[in-house]
Protein backbone atom coordinates (compact mmCIF):
# COMPACT_ATOMS: atom_id res chain seq x y z
CA UNK A 1 -0.03 0.19 -0.23
CA UNK A 2 1.56 3.30 -0.95
CA UNK A 3 1.37 6.70 1.13
CA UNK A 4 -0.79 9.39 -0.26
CA UNK A 5 0.73 12.45 -1.11
CA UNK A 6 -0.41 16.00 -0.30
CA UNK A 7 0.83 19.17 -0.13
CA UNK A 8 -0.02 22.95 0.40
CA UNK A 9 0.24 25.58 -2.03
CA UNK A 10 -0.48 29.22 -1.13
CA UNK A 11 -2.10 31.30 -3.82
CA UNK A 12 -1.00 32.76 -5.82
CA UNK A 13 2.76 32.19 -6.01
CA UNK A 14 3.10 29.86 -2.83
CA UNK A 15 4.44 32.71 -1.20
CA UNK A 16 2.56 35.51 -1.03
CA UNK A 17 -0.68 35.37 0.03
CA UNK A 18 -3.62 35.87 -2.04
CA UNK A 19 -6.88 34.29 -3.94
CA UNK A 20 -7.49 32.11 -6.92
CA UNK A 21 -9.11 35.78 -8.02
CA UNK A 22 -5.26 36.89 -8.11
CA UNK A 23 -4.62 34.26 -10.62
CA UNK A 24 -7.69 34.91 -12.57
CA UNK A 25 -6.90 38.73 -12.88
CA UNK A 26 -3.48 38.05 -14.00
CA UNK A 27 -5.19 35.87 -16.66
CA UNK A 28 -8.00 38.21 -17.31
CA UNK A 29 -5.01 40.62 -18.80
CA UNK A 30 -4.15 38.05 -21.20
CA UNK A 31 -7.22 36.95 -22.74
CA UNK A 32 -9.75 39.64 -21.08
CA UNK A 33 -8.09 42.80 -21.14
CA UNK A 34 -11.15 45.42 -21.94
CA UNK A 35 -13.42 43.30 -19.77
CA UNK A 36 -10.76 43.73 -16.93
CA UNK A 37 -10.20 47.27 -17.01
CA UNK A 38 -14.22 48.15 -17.82
CA UNK A 39 -14.54 45.60 -14.21
CA UNK A 40 -11.86 47.45 -12.44
CA UNK A 41 -13.54 51.20 -13.20
CA UNK A 42 -16.66 50.01 -12.40
CA UNK A 43 -15.97 48.51 -9.25
CA UNK A 44 -13.78 51.78 -8.34
CA UNK A 45 -16.53 54.26 -9.32
CA UNK A 46 -19.16 52.27 -6.93
CA UNK A 47 -20.84 54.83 -4.85
CA UNK A 48 -19.94 53.06 -1.62
CA UNK A 49 -21.66 56.01 0.68
CA UNK A 50 -25.20 54.76 -0.53
CA UNK A 51 -24.24 51.05 0.63
CA UNK A 52 -24.82 49.88 4.60
CA UNK A 53 -21.43 48.38 5.96
CA UNK A 54 -23.36 45.32 5.96
CA UNK A 55 -23.59 45.76 2.08
CA UNK A 56 -19.65 46.52 1.86
CA UNK A 57 -18.82 43.81 4.27
CA UNK A 58 -17.60 41.71 1.74
CA UNK A 59 -16.37 43.71 -0.28
CA UNK A 60 -14.33 45.23 2.38
CA UNK A 61 -12.10 41.94 2.93
CA UNK A 62 -8.62 41.60 1.53
CA UNK A 63 -10.00 39.82 -1.43
CA UNK A 64 -12.89 41.73 -2.03
CA UNK A 65 -12.19 43.60 -4.15
CA UNK A 66 -10.76 40.91 -6.72
CA UNK A 67 -13.65 38.88 -6.01
CA UNK A 68 -15.97 41.70 -6.81
CA UNK A 69 -13.75 42.48 -10.48
CA UNK A 70 -13.61 38.62 -11.52
CA UNK A 71 -17.20 38.23 -10.78
CA UNK A 72 -18.25 41.18 -12.81
CA UNK A 73 -15.99 39.98 -15.42
CA UNK A 74 -17.83 36.19 -15.49
CA UNK A 75 -21.01 37.98 -14.96
CA UNK A 76 -20.47 39.29 -18.52
CA UNK A 77 -19.20 36.19 -20.38
CA UNK A 78 -21.70 33.83 -18.58
CA UNK A 79 -24.62 35.69 -16.98
CA UNK A 80 -26.52 33.85 -13.80
CA UNK A 81 -23.86 31.12 -13.52
CA UNK A 82 -20.93 30.69 -11.41
CA UNK A 83 -17.61 31.69 -12.08
CA UNK A 84 -16.62 28.01 -12.55
CA UNK A 85 -18.73 27.73 -15.21
CA UNK A 86 -16.48 30.62 -16.59
CA UNK A 87 -13.41 29.32 -16.26
CA UNK A 88 -14.28 26.13 -17.79
CA UNK A 89 -16.27 27.72 -20.69
CA UNK A 90 -14.44 30.68 -21.27
CA UNK A 91 -10.81 31.29 -22.07
CA UNK A 92 -9.28 32.05 -18.01
CA UNK A 93 -6.88 29.31 -19.21
CA UNK A 94 -5.38 29.56 -22.26
CA UNK A 95 -1.99 29.64 -24.36
CA UNK A 96 -0.47 32.75 -23.08
CA UNK A 97 -1.97 32.29 -19.59
CA UNK A 98 -0.63 29.27 -19.00
CA UNK A 99 3.04 30.51 -19.44
CA UNK A 100 2.34 33.25 -16.41
CA UNK A 101 4.33 32.70 -13.33
CA UNK A 102 1.94 32.00 -11.00
CA UNK A 103 0.26 29.50 -13.69
CA UNK A 104 3.50 27.68 -14.28
CA UNK A 105 4.11 27.47 -10.45
CA UNK A 106 0.74 25.70 -9.91
CA UNK A 107 1.57 23.29 -12.37
CA UNK A 108 5.11 22.04 -11.52
CA UNK A 109 3.42 21.49 -7.77
CA UNK A 110 0.67 19.72 -9.08
CA UNK A 111 3.29 17.76 -11.08
CA UNK A 112 6.10 17.26 -8.66
CA UNK A 113 3.23 16.05 -6.21
CA UNK A 114 1.82 13.88 -8.52
CA UNK A 115 5.44 11.99 -9.88
CA UNK A 116 6.43 12.16 -6.11
CA UNK A 117 9.02 14.98 -6.65
CA UNK A 118 10.92 16.82 -3.35
């Protein structure tokens, strides 16, 4: 019986704190740069004074802004669908984005884990 392999990878680059959305923003720059600019502008221009503290609770979390930007892009690409559907069906992961530093690190981590390297 073989021992199961496991590992821990800290998003986005195994060194800095982040989330999946940190990586998706990098990926969006490769394929959806116009949508990324528009979504970022939209999020930045929201008049937060018109919203309650409760409304903004998740937005003000460390990853809240990035999550809002990615959700906005996803809502254009796949209205009413979860971000997972957009990642699967759209071009978040593409020829260019797989060469991004963070994506290469994730790919190498998974390959090392599967192949028993380390």
